[in-house]
Amino acid sequence: MGKSQGFTLIELMVTMVVLAIVASIAMPNFQKVRAKQKIEYSTKDLEKTLIQARYDAVLHRHRVTVNLGEAGNSTPQTLYWSVPGDQQISYLQFSCESNAWDGEAIEGIDRLVFLTDGSAQLSRNFTDDDGHNQREDLTLSAIQIVVSNGVTTNYVEITPLGKVTAKSGSKQGQECS
């Protein structure tokens, strides 16, 4: 009988085992990369929505409200941005203390309003001491919207004049003047 060409069953099984080991090693890294890509996409989408809102407010000379964390039908004066299911957003308001930025978490934020001069203010719901629901508009000193999924975190910074910038790091503890 002549020599046949091809793989033996043993060679094929060894190859499959090696591929399975390599795949099991690579899988956690792949999941981290995928989670990072999702956060980067969400951050850029939020940045794009906020820049559009600011642009519309200045160009058309009317207030533009961005409803954060909810979906809806956008109009020229109202935009929506919803948080993807596996992600969370939170808000930090910064003040300059001892030449370093100090961020304080703000609860209840559900809207960001761009005014006709391009500046922005946050709007939040809260319950007062008497148990009544109230809405409060907060003028910004400097704010970061934190977009996170537990694996990675990105930030969207809004200056007091309304400039919107996506960043990969927080300004917490950085030098200020």
Protein backbone atom coordinates (compact mmCIF):
# COMPACT_ATOMS: atom_id res chain seq x y z
CA MET A 1 0.00 0.00 0.00
CA GLY A 2 1.30 3.44 -0.89
CA LYS A 3 1.88 6.29 1.48
CA SER A 4 -1.22 8.51 1.73
CA GLN A 5 -1.05 12.26 2.01
CA GLY A 6 -2.93 14.31 4.57
CA PHE A 7 -3.27 14.60 8.32
CA THR A 8 -3.63 11.75 10.73
CA LEU A 9 -6.39 11.85 13.30
CA ILE A 10 -3.83 12.41 16.07
CA GLU A 11 -2.29 15.42 14.28
CA LEU A 12 -5.72 16.93 13.76
CA MET A 13 -6.69 16.43 17.43
CA VAL A 14 -3.43 17.98 18.69
CA THR A 15 -3.96 20.99 16.41
CA MET A 16 -7.52 21.44 17.71
CA VAL A 17 -6.34 21.28 21.35
CA VAL A 18 -3.64 23.90 20.71
CA LEU A 19 -6.17 26.19 18.99
CA ALA A 20 -8.60 25.77 21.90
CA ILE A 21 -5.89 26.74 24.41
CA VAL A 22 -4.89 29.81 22.40
CA ALA A 23 -8.55 30.85 22.05
CA SER A 24 -9.19 30.48 25.79
CA ILE A 25 -6.17 32.68 26.54
CA ALA A 26 -7.23 35.34 24.03
CA MET A 27 -10.93 35.47 24.99
CA PRO A 28 -10.65 37.70 28.13
CA ASN A 29 -8.49 40.19 26.24
CA PHE A 30 -10.97 40.21 23.37
CA GLN A 31 -13.81 40.96 25.78
CA LYS A 32 -11.85 43.88 27.30
CA VAL A 33 -11.10 45.28 23.86
CA ARG A 34 -14.75 44.96 22.86
CA ALA A 35 -15.92 46.67 26.08
CA LYS A 36 -13.46 49.51 25.47
CA GLN A 37 -14.70 49.92 21.89
CA LYS A 38 -18.32 50.14 23.11
CA ILE A 39 -17.44 52.85 25.64
CA GLU A 40 -15.47 54.81 23.06
CA TYR A 41 -18.40 54.62 20.63
CA SER A 42 -20.89 55.75 23.30
CA THR A 43 -18.63 58.59 24.41
CA LYS A 44 -18.19 59.86 20.85
CA ASP A 45 -21.94 59.58 20.24
CA LEU A 46 -22.67 61.60 23.40
CA GLU A 47 -20.03 64.17 22.43
CA LYS A 48 -21.55 64.46 18.94
CA THR A 49 -25.06 64.95 20.39
CA LEU A 50 -23.89 67.65 22.81
CA ILE A 51 -21.90 69.49 20.13
CA GLN A 52 -24.94 69.42 17.84
CA ALA A 53 -27.14 70.80 20.62
CA ARG A 54 -24.71 73.63 21.34
CA TYR A 55 -24.39 74.43 17.64
CA ASP A 56 -28.18 74.52 17.19
CA ALA A 57 -28.65 76.72 20.28
CA VAL A 58 -26.18 79.32 19.02
CA LEU A 59 -27.14 79.18 15.34
CA HIS A 60 -30.92 79.26 15.78
CA ARG A 61 -30.90 81.43 18.95
CA HIS A 62 -33.06 79.13 21.07
CA ARG A 63 -32.46 76.88 24.05
CA VAL A 64 -31.76 73.26 23.20
CA THR A 65 -32.43 70.56 25.78
CA VAL A 66 -30.61 67.22 25.69
CA ASN A 67 -32.50 64.54 27.61
CA LEU A 68 -29.82 62.27 29.01
CA GLY A 69 -30.46 58.61 29.61
CA GLU A 70 -33.71 58.35 27.69
CA ALA A 71 -34.84 57.69 24.15
CA GLY A 72 -37.32 59.76 22.20
CA ASN A 73 -38.05 61.58 18.97
CA SER A 74 -35.72 64.54 18.58
CA THR A 75 -36.97 67.97 17.59
CA PRO A 76 -34.96 71.13 16.81
CA GLN A 77 -35.20 72.17 20.47
CA THR A 78 -35.04 68.76 22.15
CA LEU A 79 -32.48 66.00 21.62
CA TYR A 80 -32.23 62.59 23.27
CA TRP A 81 -29.28 60.40 24.19
CA SER A 82 -29.88 57.02 25.81
CA VAL A 83 -27.35 54.99 27.74
CA PRO A 84 -26.60 51.56 26.24
CA GLY A 85 -27.79 48.71 28.48
CA ASP A 86 -24.44 47.66 29.93
CA GLN A 87 -23.23 51.20 30.64
CA GLN A 88 -23.84 53.83 33.29
CA ILE A 89 -23.44 57.59 33.29
CA SER A 90 -22.69 59.83 36.24
CA TYR A 91 -21.84 63.49 36.62
CA LEU A 92 -18.99 65.30 38.35
CA GLN A 93 -19.01 69.05 38.96
CA PHE A 94 -15.54 70.50 39.46
CA SER A 95 -14.23 73.38 41.52
CA CYS A 96 -10.65 74.62 41.82
CA GLU A 97 -9.44 74.05 45.38
CA SER A 98 -5.80 74.39 46.50
CA ASN A 99 -4.67 74.60 42.84
CA ALA A 100 -6.21 71.20 41.98
CA TRP A 101 -9.54 70.23 40.43
CA ASP A 102 -11.90 68.62 42.93
CA GLY A 103 -14.91 66.79 41.52
CA GLU A 104 -18.15 66.27 43.39
CA ALA A 105 -20.81 63.82 42.22
CA ILE A 106 -24.19 65.30 41.29
CA GLU A 107 -27.27 63.10 41.57
CA GLY A 108 -30.56 63.24 39.68
CA ILE A 109 -29.26 64.81 36.45
CA ASP A 110 -31.51 64.05 33.52
CA ARG A 111 -31.13 67.07 31.24
CA LEU A 112 -28.46 69.35 29.87
CA VAL A 113 -29.65 72.67 28.45
CA PHE A 114 -27.59 74.74 26.01
CA LEU A 115 -28.41 78.43 26.06
CA THR A 116 -28.33 80.85 23.13
CA ASP A 117 -24.80 82.02 24.01
CA GLY A 118 -23.48 78.42 23.83
CA SER A 119 -23.11 77.98 27.58
CA ALA A 120 -24.70 75.00 29.29
CA GLN A 121 -26.55 74.23 32.47
CA LEU A 122 -27.57 70.97 34.07
CA SER A 123 -31.11 70.29 35.10
CA ARG A 124 -32.00 67.78 37.78
CA ASN A 125 -34.95 66.40 39.67
CA PHE A 126 -34.76 66.12 43.43
CA THR A 127 -37.05 65.73 46.40
CA ASP A 128 -37.04 68.62 48.88
CA ASP A 129 -37.25 68.31 52.67
CA ASP A 130 -41.06 68.36 52.51
CA GLY A 131 -41.16 65.41 50.09
CA HIS A 132 -42.07 67.46 47.01
CA ASN A 133 -40.45 66.82 43.65
CA GLN A 134 -38.47 69.82 42.47
CA ARG A 135 -36.46 70.72 39.35
CA GLU A 136 -33.24 72.67 39.69
CA ASP A 137 -31.01 74.21 37.01
CA LEU A 138 -27.32 74.23 37.88
CA THR A 139 -24.96 76.69 36.23
CA LEU A 140 -21.76 74.94 35.28
CA SER A 141 -18.31 75.73 36.55
CA ALA A 142 -16.82 72.69 34.85
CA ILE A 143 -18.41 69.28 34.51
CA GLN A 144 -17.50 65.82 33.36
CA ILE A 145 -20.03 63.24 32.28
CA VAL A 146 -18.61 59.83 33.20
CA VAL A 147 -19.48 56.95 30.84
CA SER A 148 -18.52 53.57 32.30
CA ASN A 149 -19.22 49.86 31.95
CA GLY A 150 -17.15 48.49 34.85
CA VAL A 151 -14.22 47.57 32.59
CA THR A 152 -13.32 50.98 31.21
CA THR A 153 -14.35 54.60 31.70
CA ASN A 154 -14.38 57.64 29.41
CA TYR A 155 -15.31 61.24 30.09
CA VAL A 156 -17.07 64.05 28.26
CA GLU A 157 -15.99 67.42 29.60
CA ILE A 158 -18.11 70.55 29.33
CA THR A 159 -16.47 73.89 30.13
CA PRO A 160 -18.33 76.84 31.69
CA LEU A 161 -18.63 78.35 28.18
CA GLY A 162 -20.17 75.14 26.84
CA LYS A 163 -17.22 73.66 24.92
CA VAL A 164 -17.64 69.87 24.69
CA THR A 165 -14.64 67.50 24.58
CA ALA A 166 -14.35 63.70 24.94
CA LYS A 167 -11.43 62.55 27.10
CA SER A 168 -10.04 59.25 28.28
CA GLY A 169 -8.98 60.57 31.69
CA SER A 170 -10.57 62.57 34.47
CA LYS A 171 -9.40 66.04 35.46
CA GLN A 172 -9.75 65.03 39.14
CA GLY A 173 -6.60 66.16 40.98
CA GLN A 174 -5.07 67.89 37.96
CA GLU A 175 -3.64 71.37 38.39
CA CYS A 176 -5.94 74.34 37.95
CA SER A 177 -5.42 78.07 38.18
